[in-house]
């Protein structure tokens, strides 16, 4: 299958490679000419055979809107646009309507996998019509992990990004729990080897997980996380999750507290935020702030 891919950063570039390894033809466009297969968005579209599929992997908000506006003028009826970035679900219906006026289909895809996706595959949460989603199944099958799991058609337009938002909210709370446990162990006079305690949990315990494995990786690199400043940013999806919980009157005490804990890192050199920062760097390649 052939598709255009806009945005070839840490996620998009690896997705292009994984798709190509599966035999798909990918024409990528990025503002960085060293990464791009086309000199412009228009040239990328011209190289695609109709009906076209264009996957967008750019930052949520204004950047995504600019790309959607340009694609609306470049594409034709029957083409499909996939937004695979971390857009707010409320933007999806707007984008679907804007493209639908021209007869262009729209699918939203929440994508999880970070910098490890090329090797392990990407978990995909997809929203859109049955017809459009089924047409894109060869792409989803190539991107997802091997085996029966890692892909879901979550519902209509917006369902994919809503599901990914909740996924990220859960991720916030899980990372916060590991961070709090790590700090408590570090403070205890009786515990001599916190890293080995974390390592011992990797097998046989009910809290073993990939995040725990990544925490051990981070502690192997910097046993007490002394090199890191206790600061962790929030991408926006944690805030959206809490806002949605308020809208639906659903209590989310753990996820809400984990979001607020990140705000605390704006004030002090928080030990817990060292672990959060280390985990975000491990799974997503997110930047960390080093101590002076």
C-alpha atoms as a PDB file:
ATOM      1  CA  UNK A   1       0.000   0.000   0.000  1.00  0.00           C
ATOM      2  CA  UNK A   2       1.125   3.568  -0.639  1.00  0.00           C
ATOM      3  CA  UNK A   3       0.793   6.521   1.713  1.00  0.00           C
ATOM      4  CA  UNK A   4       2.191   9.934   2.464  1.00  0.00           C
ATOM      5  CA  UNK A   5       3.577  10.613   5.932  1.00  0.00           C
ATOM      6  CA  UNK A   6       3.925  14.171   7.234  1.00  0.00           C
ATOM      7  CA  UNK A   7       6.315  14.675  10.154  1.00  0.00           C
ATOM      8  CA  UNK A   8       9.424  12.498  10.326  1.00  0.00           C
ATOM      9  CA  UNK A   9      10.615  13.126  13.880  1.00  0.00           C
ATOM     10  CA  UNK A  10      11.211  10.530  16.582  1.00  0.00           C
ATOM     11  CA  UNK A  11       7.875   8.813  15.996  1.00  0.00           C
ATOM     12  CA  UNK A  12       7.167   9.557  12.346  1.00  0.00           C
ATOM     13  CA  UNK A  13      10.617   8.624  11.108  1.00  0.00           C
ATOM     14  CA  UNK A  14      10.490   5.228  12.798  1.00  0.00           C
ATOM     15  CA  UNK A  15       6.956   4.632  11.577  1.00  0.00           C
ATOM     16  CA  UNK A  16       8.098   5.279   8.007  1.00  0.00           C
ATOM     17  CA  UNK A  17      10.865   2.704   8.446  1.00  0.00           C
ATOM     18  CA  UNK A  18       8.572   0.081   9.990  1.00  0.00           C
ATOM     19  CA  UNK A  19       6.040   0.491   7.171  1.00  0.00           C
ATOM     20  CA  UNK A  20       8.750   0.190   4.531  1.00  0.00           C
ATOM     21  CA  UNK A  21      10.073  -2.963   6.152  1.00  0.00           C
ATOM     22  CA  UNK A  22       6.558  -4.398   5.742  1.00  0.00           C
ATOM     23  CA  UNK A  23       6.593  -3.673   2.013  1.00  0.00           C
ATOM     24  CA  UNK A  24       4.559  -0.468   1.949  1.00  0.00           C
ATOM     25  CA  UNK A  25       5.569   2.552  -0.111  1.00  0.00           C
ATOM     26  CA  UNK A  26       5.946   5.644   2.055  1.00  0.00           C
ATOM     27  CA  UNK A  27       6.582   9.125   0.708  1.00  0.00           C
ATOM     28  CA  UNK A  28       7.504  11.262   3.671  1.00  0.00           C
ATOM     29  CA  UNK A  29       7.520  15.023   4.057  1.00  0.00           C
ATOM     30  CA  UNK A  30       9.256  16.990   6.775  1.00  0.00           C
ATOM     31  CA  UNK A  31      10.343  20.608   7.065  1.00  0.00           C
ATOM     32  CA  UNK A  32      13.865  19.245   7.484  1.00  0.00           C
ATOM     33  CA  UNK A  33      14.978  18.548   3.901  1.00  0.00           C
ATOM     34  CA  UNK A  34      17.502  15.968   5.100  1.00  0.00           C
ATOM     35  CA  UNK A  35      14.641  13.769   6.307  1.00  0.00           C
ATOM     36  CA  UNK A  36      12.107  14.481   3.572  1.00  0.00           C
ATOM     37  CA  UNK A  37      11.284  12.495   0.431  1.00  0.00           C
ATOM     38  CA  UNK A  38       9.596  15.532  -1.152  1.00  0.00           C
ATOM     39  CA  UNK A  39      10.452  19.209  -1.325  1.00  0.00           C
ATOM     40  CA  UNK A  40       6.968  20.328  -0.334  1.00  0.00           C
ATOM     41  CA  UNK A  41       3.622  19.042   0.846  1.00  0.00           C
ATOM     42  CA  UNK A  42       2.245  19.621  -2.640  1.00  0.00           C
ATOM     43  CA  UNK A  43       5.030  17.544  -4.189  1.00  0.00           C
ATOM     44  CA  UNK A  44       4.383  14.724  -1.749  1.00  0.00           C
ATOM     45  CA  UNK A  45       0.686  14.684  -2.690  1.00  0.00           C
ATOM     46  CA  UNK A  46       1.556  14.727  -6.407  1.00  0.00           C
ATOM     47  CA  UNK A  47       3.711  11.623  -5.966  1.00  0.00           C
ATOM     48  CA  UNK A  48       0.844   9.647  -4.430  1.00  0.00           C
ATOM     49  CA  UNK A  49      -1.520   7.597  -6.557  1.00  0.00           C
ATOM     50  CA  UNK A  50      -5.227   8.092  -5.983  1.00  0.00           C
ATOM     51  CA  UNK A  51      -7.184   7.429  -3.928  1.00  0.00           C
ATOM     52  CA  UNK A  52      -4.542   8.785  -1.559  1.00  0.00           C
ATOM     53  CA  UNK A  53      -3.842   8.170   2.105  1.00  0.00           C
ATOM     54  CA  UNK A  54      -1.941  10.824   4.072  1.00  0.00           C
ATOM     55  CA  UNK A  55      -0.867  10.220   7.674  1.00  0.00           C
ATOM     56  CA  UNK A  56      -0.129  13.324   9.764  1.00  0.00           C
ATOM     57  CA  UNK A  57       2.403  13.143  12.627  1.00  0.00           C
ATOM     58  CA  UNK A  58       2.913  16.742  13.743  1.00  0.00           C
ATOM     59  CA  UNK A  59       2.352  18.487  17.097  1.00  0.00           C
ATOM     60  CA  UNK A  60      -1.240  18.922  18.226  1.00  0.00           C
ATOM     61  CA  UNK A  61      -3.041  22.221  17.911  1.00  0.00           C
ATOM     62  CA  UNK A  62      -1.964  24.936  15.493  1.00  0.00           C
ATOM     63  CA  UNK A  63       0.586  22.815  13.624  1.00  0.00           C
ATOM     64  CA  UNK A  64      -1.984  20.103  12.921  1.00  0.00           C
ATOM     65  CA  UNK A  65      -4.631  22.643  11.885  1.00  0.00           C
ATOM     66  CA  UNK A  66      -2.242  24.240   9.377  1.00  0.00           C
ATOM     67  CA  UNK A  67      -1.546  20.842   7.795  1.00  0.00           C
ATOM     68  CA  UNK A  68      -5.256  19.923   7.692  1.00  0.00           C
ATOM     69  CA  UNK A  69      -6.054  23.237   5.979  1.00  0.00           C
ATOM     70  CA  UNK A  70      -3.372  22.693   3.362  1.00  0.00           C
ATOM     71  CA  UNK A  71      -4.371  19.091   2.703  1.00  0.00           C
ATOM     72  CA  UNK A  72      -8.004  20.131   2.256  1.00  0.00           C
ATOM     73  CA  UNK A  73      -6.891  22.173  -0.763  1.00  0.00           C
ATOM     74  CA  UNK A  74      -4.468  19.573  -2.132  1.00  0.00           C
ATOM     75  CA  UNK A  75      -6.430  16.317  -1.838  1.00  0.00           C
ATOM     76  CA  UNK A  76      -9.407  14.986  -3.789  1.00  0.00           C
ATOM     77  CA  UNK A  77     -12.721  13.291  -2.953  1.00  0.00           C
ATOM     78  CA  UNK A  78     -12.115   9.725  -1.823  1.00  0.00           C
ATOM     79  CA  UNK A  79      -8.741  10.464  -0.232  1.00  0.00           C
ATOM     80  CA  UNK A  80      -8.249   9.852   3.505  1.00  0.00           C
ATOM     81  CA  UNK A  81      -6.320  11.850   6.103  1.00  0.00           C
ATOM     82  CA  UNK A  82      -5.134  10.114   9.285  1.00  0.00           C
ATOM     83  CA  UNK A  83      -4.194  12.257  12.277  1.00  0.00           C
ATOM     84  CA  UNK A  84      -1.748  10.125  14.265  1.00  0.00           C
ATOM     85  CA  UNK A  85      -0.500  12.898  16.537  1.00  0.00           C
ATOM     86  CA  UNK A  86      -1.649  13.602  20.083  1.00  0.00           C
ATOM     87  CA  UNK A  87      -4.516  15.859  19.066  1.00  0.00           C
ATOM     88  CA  UNK A  88      -7.331  16.651  21.475  1.00  0.00           C
ATOM     89  CA  UNK A  89     -10.333  14.478  20.618  1.00  0.00           C
ATOM     90  CA  UNK A  90     -12.583  17.519  20.352  1.00  0.00           C
ATOM     91  CA  UNK A  91     -10.529  18.693  17.361  1.00  0.00           C
ATOM     92  CA  UNK A  92     -11.213  15.475  15.437  1.00  0.00           C
ATOM     93  CA  UNK A  93     -14.865  16.135  14.664  1.00  0.00           C
ATOM     94  CA  UNK A  94     -13.929  19.644  13.496  1.00  0.00           C
ATOM     95  CA  UNK A  95     -11.219  18.293  11.189  1.00  0.00           C
ATOM     96  CA  UNK A  96     -13.503  15.546   9.882  1.00  0.00           C
ATOM     97  CA  UNK A  97     -16.150  18.135   9.025  1.00  0.00           C
ATOM     98  CA  UNK A  98     -13.654  20.473   7.348  1.00  0.00           C
ATOM     99  CA  UNK A  99     -12.307  17.678   5.146  1.00  0.00           C
ATOM    100  CA  UNK A 100     -15.719  16.103   4.621  1.00  0.00           C
ATOM    101  CA  UNK A 101     -16.926  19.192   2.755  1.00  0.00           C
ATOM    102  CA  UNK A 102     -14.462  18.205   0.017  1.00  0.00           C
ATOM    103  CA  UNK A 103     -15.368  14.496   0.218  1.00  0.00           C
ATOM    104  CA  UNK A 104     -12.104  13.665   2.007  1.00  0.00           C
ATOM    105  CA  UNK A 105     -12.257  11.011   4.734  1.00  0.00           C
ATOM    106  CA  UNK A 106     -10.767  11.426   8.199  1.00  0.00           C
ATOM    107  CA  UNK A 107      -9.491   8.914  10.751  1.00  0.00           C
ATOM    108  CA  UNK A 108      -7.927   9.685  14.131  1.00  0.00           C
ATOM    109  CA  UNK A 109      -5.289   7.303  15.452  1.00  0.00           C
ATOM    110  CA  UNK A 110      -3.890   7.391  18.953  1.00  0.00           C
ATOM    111  CA  UNK A 111      -0.379   5.972  18.705  1.00  0.00           C
ATOM    112  CA  UNK A 112       1.685   4.633  21.613  1.00  0.00           C
ATOM    113  CA  UNK A 113       5.130   3.120  21.421  1.00  0.00           C
ATOM    114  CA  UNK A 114       7.580   5.990  21.639  1.00  0.00           C
ATOM    115  CA  UNK A 115      11.141   5.458  20.498  1.00  0.00           C
ATOM    116  CA  UNK A 116      10.708   1.676  20.895  1.00  0.00           C
ATOM    117  CA  UNK A 117       7.942   1.402  18.300  1.00  0.00           C
ATOM    118  CA  UNK A 118      10.204   0.576  15.372  1.00  0.00           C
ATOM    119  CA  UNK A 119      11.406  -2.545  17.162  1.00  0.00           C
ATOM    120  CA  UNK A 120       8.317  -3.539  19.151  1.00  0.00           C
ATOM    121  CA  UNK A 121       5.437  -2.095  17.120  1.00  0.00           C
ATOM    122  CA  UNK A 122       2.930   0.616  18.005  1.00  0.00           C
ATOM    123  CA  UNK A 123      -0.283   0.275  19.983  1.00  0.00           C
ATOM    124  CA  UNK A 124      -3.020   1.856  17.864  1.00  0.00           C
ATOM    125  CA  UNK A 125      -6.385   3.215  19.017  1.00  0.00           C
ATOM    126  CA  UNK A 126      -8.409   4.254  15.970  1.00  0.00           C
ATOM    127  CA  UNK A 127     -11.560   6.311  15.461  1.00  0.00           C
ATOM    128  CA  UNK A 128     -13.512   6.645  12.219  1.00  0.00           C
ATOM    129  CA  UNK A 129     -16.098   5.069   9.953  1.00  0.00           C
ATOM    130  CA  UNK A 130     -15.990   1.309   9.366  1.00  0.00           C
ATOM    131  CA  UNK A 131     -15.310   1.894   5.666  1.00  0.00           C
ATOM    132  CA  UNK A 132     -12.355   4.213   6.150  1.00  0.00           C
ATOM    133  CA  UNK A 133     -10.805   2.192   8.960  1.00  0.00           C
ATOM    134  CA  UNK A 134     -11.068  -1.080   7.052  1.00  0.00           C
ATOM    135  CA  UNK A 135      -9.386   0.480   4.034  1.00  0.00           C
ATOM    136  CA  UNK A 136      -6.429   1.399   6.256  1.00  0.00           C
ATOM    137  CA  UNK A 137      -6.106  -2.005   7.934  1.00  0.00           C
ATOM    138  CA  UNK A 138      -2.939  -3.010   6.001  1.00  0.00           C
ATOM    139  CA  UNK A 139      -1.198   0.072   7.440  1.00  0.00           C
ATOM    140  CA  UNK A 140      -2.446  -0.611  10.959  1.00  0.00           C
ATOM    141  CA  UNK A 141      -1.412  -4.268  10.721  1.00  0.00           C
ATOM    142  CA  UNK A 142       2.107  -3.271   9.688  1.00  0.00           C
ATOM    143  CA  UNK A 143       2.497  -0.753  12.510  1.00  0.00           C
ATOM    144  CA  UNK A 144       0.989  -2.792  15.374  1.00  0.00           C
ATOM    145  CA  UNK A 145       2.963  -5.353  17.403  1.00  0.00           C
ATOM    146  CA  UNK A 146       2.935  -8.959  16.254  1.00  0.00           C
ATOM    147  CA  UNK A 147       0.147 -11.064  17.708  1.00  0.00           C
ATOM    148  CA  UNK A 148      -3.547 -10.462  18.446  1.00  0.00           C
ATOM    149  CA  UNK A 149      -3.217  -7.317  20.568  1.00  0.00           C
ATOM    150  CA  UNK A 150      -2.118  -3.724  20.115  1.00  0.00           C
ATOM    151  CA  UNK A 151      -4.867  -2.498  17.766  1.00  0.00           C
ATOM    152  CA  UNK A 152      -8.473  -1.447  18.328  1.00  0.00           C
ATOM    153  CA  UNK A 153     -11.126   0.299  16.273  1.00  0.00           C
ATOM    154  CA  UNK A 154     -12.375   2.214  19.315  1.00  0.00           C
ATOM    155  CA  UNK A 155     -15.408   3.855  17.714  1.00  0.00           C
ATOM    156  CA  UNK A 156     -16.388   6.848  15.624  1.00  0.00           C
ATOM    157  CA  UNK A 157     -14.238   9.879  14.857  1.00  0.00           C
ATOM    158  CA  UNK A 158     -12.610  11.120  18.071  1.00  0.00           C
ATOM    159  CA  UNK A 159     -12.659   7.736  19.814  1.00  0.00           C
ATOM    160  CA  UNK A 160      -9.047   6.981  18.958  1.00  0.00           C
ATOM    161  CA  UNK A 161      -7.627  10.138  20.469  1.00  0.00           C
ATOM    162  CA  UNK A 162      -9.985   9.947  23.451  1.00  0.00           C
ATOM    163  CA  UNK A 163      -8.734   6.412  24.156  1.00  0.00           C
ATOM    164  CA  UNK A 164      -5.114   7.510  23.809  1.00  0.00           C
ATOM    165  CA  UNK A 165      -5.773  10.402  26.181  1.00  0.00           C
ATOM    166  CA  UNK A 166      -7.087   8.004  28.836  1.00  0.00           C
ATOM    167  CA  UNK A 167      -4.108   5.716  28.184  1.00  0.00           C
ATOM    168  CA  UNK A 168      -1.767   8.618  28.889  1.00  0.00           C
ATOM    169  CA  UNK A 169      -3.684   9.546  32.026  1.00  0.00           C
ATOM    170  CA  UNK A 170      -3.204   6.001  33.345  1.00  0.00           C
ATOM    171  CA  UNK A 171       0.466   6.255  32.378  1.00  0.00           C
ATOM    172  CA  UNK A 172       0.781   9.418  34.499  1.00  0.00           C
ATOM    173  CA  UNK A 173      -0.592   7.624  37.569  1.00  0.00           C
ATOM    174  CA  UNK A 174       1.559   4.509  37.107  1.00  0.00           C
ATOM    175  CA  UNK A 175       4.752   6.539  36.733  1.00  0.00           C
ATOM    176  CA  UNK A 176       3.847   8.579  39.805  1.00  0.00           C
ATOM    177  CA  UNK A 177       3.417   5.420  41.893  1.00  0.00           C
ATOM    178  CA  UNK A 178       6.849   4.107  40.870  1.00  0.00           C
ATOM    179  CA  UNK A 179       8.384   7.529  41.557  1.00  0.00           C
ATOM    180  CA  UNK A 180       6.870   7.791  45.030  1.00  0.00           C
ATOM    181  CA  UNK A 181       7.975   4.264  45.925  1.00  0.00           C
ATOM    182  CA  UNK A 182      11.480   4.966  44.661  1.00  0.00           C
ATOM    183  CA  UNK A 183      11.802   8.133  46.742  1.00  0.00           C
ATOM    184  CA  UNK A 184      10.584   6.364  49.899  1.00  0.00           C
ATOM    185  CA  UNK A 185      13.111   3.557  49.391  1.00  0.00           C
ATOM    186  CA  UNK A 186      15.888   6.085  48.847  1.00  0.00           C
ATOM    187  CA  UNK A 187      14.999   7.784  52.159  1.00  0.00           C
ATOM    188  CA  UNK A 188      14.930   4.576  54.236  1.00  0.00           C
ATOM    189  CA  UNK A 189      18.140   4.052  56.251  1.00  0.00           C
ATOM    190  CA  UNK A 190      17.711   0.284  56.210  1.00  0.00           C
ATOM    191  CA  UNK A 191      17.653  -0.084  52.404  1.00  0.00           C
ATOM    192  CA  UNK A 192      21.142  -0.195  50.914  1.00  0.00           C
ATOM    193  CA  UNK A 193      20.426  -0.972  47.255  1.00  0.00           C
ATOM    194  CA  UNK A 194      17.287   0.612  45.843  1.00  0.00           C
ATOM    195  CA  UNK A 195      18.190  -0.250  42.273  1.00  0.00           C
ATOM    196  CA  UNK A 196      18.328  -3.970  43.111  1.00  0.00           C
ATOM    197  CA  UNK A 197      14.991  -3.741  44.906  1.00  0.00           C
ATOM    198  CA  UNK A 198      13.452  -2.360  41.709  1.00  0.00           C
ATOM    199  CA  UNK A 199      15.220  -5.053  39.695  1.00  0.00           C
ATOM    200  CA  UNK A 200      13.869  -7.780  42.001  1.00  0.00           C
ATOM    201  CA  UNK A 201      10.321  -6.679  41.184  1.00  0.00           C
ATOM    202  CA  UNK A 202      10.759  -7.420  37.475  1.00  0.00           C
ATOM    203  CA  UNK A 203       9.782 -11.076  37.896  1.00  0.00           C
ATOM    204  CA  UNK A 204       7.058 -12.695  39.967  1.00  0.00           C
ATOM    205  CA  UNK A 205       5.415  -9.546  41.383  1.00  0.00           C
ATOM    206  CA  UNK A 206       2.028  -8.030  40.631  1.00  0.00           C
ATOM    207  CA  UNK A 207       3.617  -4.627  39.858  1.00  0.00           C
ATOM    208  CA  UNK A 208       5.968  -5.849  37.115  1.00  0.00           C
ATOM    209  CA  UNK A 209       5.538  -3.924  33.890  1.00  0.00           C
ATOM    210  CA  UNK A 210       7.405  -2.396  30.982  1.00  0.00           C
ATOM    211  CA  UNK A 211       7.530   0.896  32.897  1.00  0.00           C
ATOM    212  CA  UNK A 212       9.267  -0.932  35.739  1.00  0.00           C
ATOM    213  CA  UNK A 213      11.782  -2.343  33.249  1.00  0.00           C
ATOM    214  CA  UNK A 214      12.429   1.184  31.981  1.00  0.00           C
ATOM    215  CA  UNK A 215      12.873   2.432  35.545  1.00  0.00           C
ATOM    216  CA  UNK A 216      15.582  -0.187  36.031  1.00  0.00           C
ATOM    217  CA  UNK A 217      17.208   0.937  32.769  1.00  0.00           C
ATOM    218  CA  UNK A 218      17.267   4.500  34.058  1.00  0.00           C
ATOM    219  CA  UNK A 219      18.755   3.442  37.401  1.00  0.00           C
ATOM    220  CA  UNK A 220      21.405   1.424  35.573  1.00  0.00           C
ATOM    221  CA  UNK A 221      22.419   4.610  33.771  1.00  0.00           C
ATOM    222  CA  UNK A 222      22.344   6.797  36.890  1.00  0.00           C
ATOM    223  CA  UNK A 223      21.848   4.750  40.072  1.00  0.00           C
ATOM    224  CA  UNK A 224      20.484   7.540  42.256  1.00  0.00           C
ATOM    225  CA  UNK A 225      19.384   9.845  39.416  1.00  0.00           C
ATOM    226  CA  UNK A 226      21.882  12.397  40.680  1.00  0.00           C
ATOM    227  CA  UNK A 227      22.474  13.746  37.173  1.00  0.00           C
ATOM    228  CA  UNK A 228      18.854  14.791  36.682  1.00  0.00           C
ATOM    229  CA  UNK A 229      16.978  17.841  37.827  1.00  0.00           C
ATOM    230  CA  UNK A 230      13.634  16.983  39.429  1.00  0.00           C
ATOM    231  CA  UNK A 231      11.527  18.520  36.682  1.00  0.00           C
ATOM    232  CA  UNK A 232       8.987  16.788  34.436  1.00  0.00           C
ATOM    233  CA  UNK A 233       6.812  18.500  31.864  1.00  0.00           C
ATOM    234  CA  UNK A 234       3.242  17.496  31.054  1.00  0.00           C
ATOM    235  CA  UNK A 235       2.289  16.970  27.430  1.00  0.00           C
ATOM    236  CA  UNK A 236      -1.291  18.199  27.777  1.00  0.00           C
ATOM    237  CA  UNK A 237      -3.085  14.854  27.647  1.00  0.00           C
ATOM    238  CA  UNK A 238      -3.016  14.516  31.431  1.00  0.00           C
ATOM    239  CA  UNK A 239      -4.817  17.859  31.690  1.00  0.00           C
ATOM    240  CA  UNK A 240      -7.334  16.836  29.029  1.00  0.00           C
ATOM    241  CA  UNK A 241      -8.031  13.586  30.903  1.00  0.00           C
ATOM    242  CA  UNK A 242      -8.827  15.475  34.106  1.00  0.00           C
ATOM    243  CA  UNK A 243     -10.980  17.975  32.193  1.00  0.00           C
ATOM    244  CA  UNK A 244     -12.921  15.122  30.581  1.00  0.00           C
ATOM    245  CA  UNK A 245     -13.410  13.528  33.995  1.00  0.00           C
ATOM    246  CA  UNK A 246     -14.952  16.771  35.225  1.00  0.00           C
ATOM    247  CA  UNK A 247     -17.212  16.939  32.157  1.00  0.00           C
ATOM    248  CA  UNK A 248     -18.425  13.350  32.680  1.00  0.00           C
ATOM    249  CA  UNK A 249     -18.421  13.546  36.523  1.00  0.00           C
ATOM    250  CA  UNK A 250     -16.046  10.576  36.760  1.00  0.00           C
ATOM    251  CA  UNK A 251     -13.750  10.556  39.838  1.00  0.00           C
ATOM    252  CA  UNK A 252     -10.072  10.240  38.883  1.00  0.00           C
ATOM    253  CA  UNK A 253      -8.177  10.851  42.147  1.00  0.00           C
ATOM    254  CA  UNK A 254      -4.975   8.991  41.210  1.00  0.00           C
ATOM    255  CA  UNK A 255      -4.619  10.474  37.721  1.00  0.00           C
ATOM    256  CA  UNK A 256      -5.497  13.973  38.953  1.00  0.00           C
ATOM    257  CA  UNK A 257      -2.969  13.756  41.794  1.00  0.00           C
ATOM    258  CA  UNK A 258      -0.253  12.579  39.386  1.00  0.00           C
ATOM    259  CA  UNK A 259      -0.875  15.613  37.180  1.00  0.00           C
ATOM    260  CA  UNK A 260      -0.680  17.966  40.138  1.00  0.00           C
ATOM    261  CA  UNK A 261       2.525  16.276  41.276  1.00  0.00           C
ATOM    262  CA  UNK A 262       4.150  17.368  38.020  1.00  0.00           C
ATOM    263  CA  UNK A 263       3.160  20.943  38.775  1.00  0.00           C
ATOM    264  CA  UNK A 264       5.148  20.612  42.012  1.00  0.00           C
ATOM    265  CA  UNK A 265       8.250  20.004  39.923  1.00  0.00           C
ATOM    266  CA  UNK A 266       7.965  23.561  38.634  1.00  0.00           C
ATOM    267  CA  UNK A 267       8.758  24.788  42.143  1.00  0.00           C
ATOM    268  CA  UNK A 268      11.510  22.590  43.576  1.00  0.00           C
ATOM    269  CA  UNK A 269      14.045  19.957  42.587  1.00  0.00           C
ATOM    270  CA  UNK A 270      11.595  17.127  43.226  1.00  0.00           C
ATOM    271  CA  UNK A 271      13.123  13.650  43.752  1.00  0.00           C
ATOM    272  CA  UNK A 272       9.950  11.988  42.438  1.00  0.00           C
ATOM    273  CA  UNK A 273      10.139  14.049  39.267  1.00  0.00           C
ATOM    274  CA  UNK A 274      13.649  12.731  38.627  1.00  0.00           C
ATOM    275  CA  UNK A 275      12.126   9.278  38.179  1.00  0.00           C
ATOM    276  CA  UNK A 276       9.239  10.635  36.087  1.00  0.00           C
ATOM    277  CA  UNK A 277      11.733  12.495  33.870  1.00  0.00           C
ATOM    278  CA  UNK A 278      13.916   9.394  33.571  1.00  0.00           C
ATOM    279  CA  UNK A 279      10.941   7.211  32.574  1.00  0.00           C
ATOM    280  CA  UNK A 280       9.711   9.715  29.980  1.00  0.00           C
ATOM    281  CA  UNK A 281      13.203   9.798  28.482  1.00  0.00           C
ATOM    282  CA  UNK A 282      13.389   5.996  28.432  1.00  0.00           C
ATOM    283  CA  UNK A 283      10.104   5.266  26.662  1.00  0.00           C
ATOM    284  CA  UNK A 284       9.593   8.374  24.563  1.00  0.00           C
ATOM    285  CA  UNK A 285      12.983   9.986  24.136  1.00  0.00           C
ATOM    286  CA  UNK A 286      11.632  13.096  25.877  1.00  0.00           C
ATOM    287  CA  UNK A 287      14.275  15.625  26.851  1.00  0.00           C
ATOM    288  CA  UNK A 288      15.545  15.736  30.422  1.00  0.00           C
ATOM    289  CA  UNK A 289      17.028  18.672  32.273  1.00  0.00           C
ATOM    290  CA  UNK A 290      20.498  17.982  33.618  1.00  0.00           C
ATOM    291  CA  UNK A 291      21.830  19.509  36.782  1.00  0.00           C
ATOM    292  CA  UNK A 292      24.409  22.249  36.368  1.00  0.00           C
END
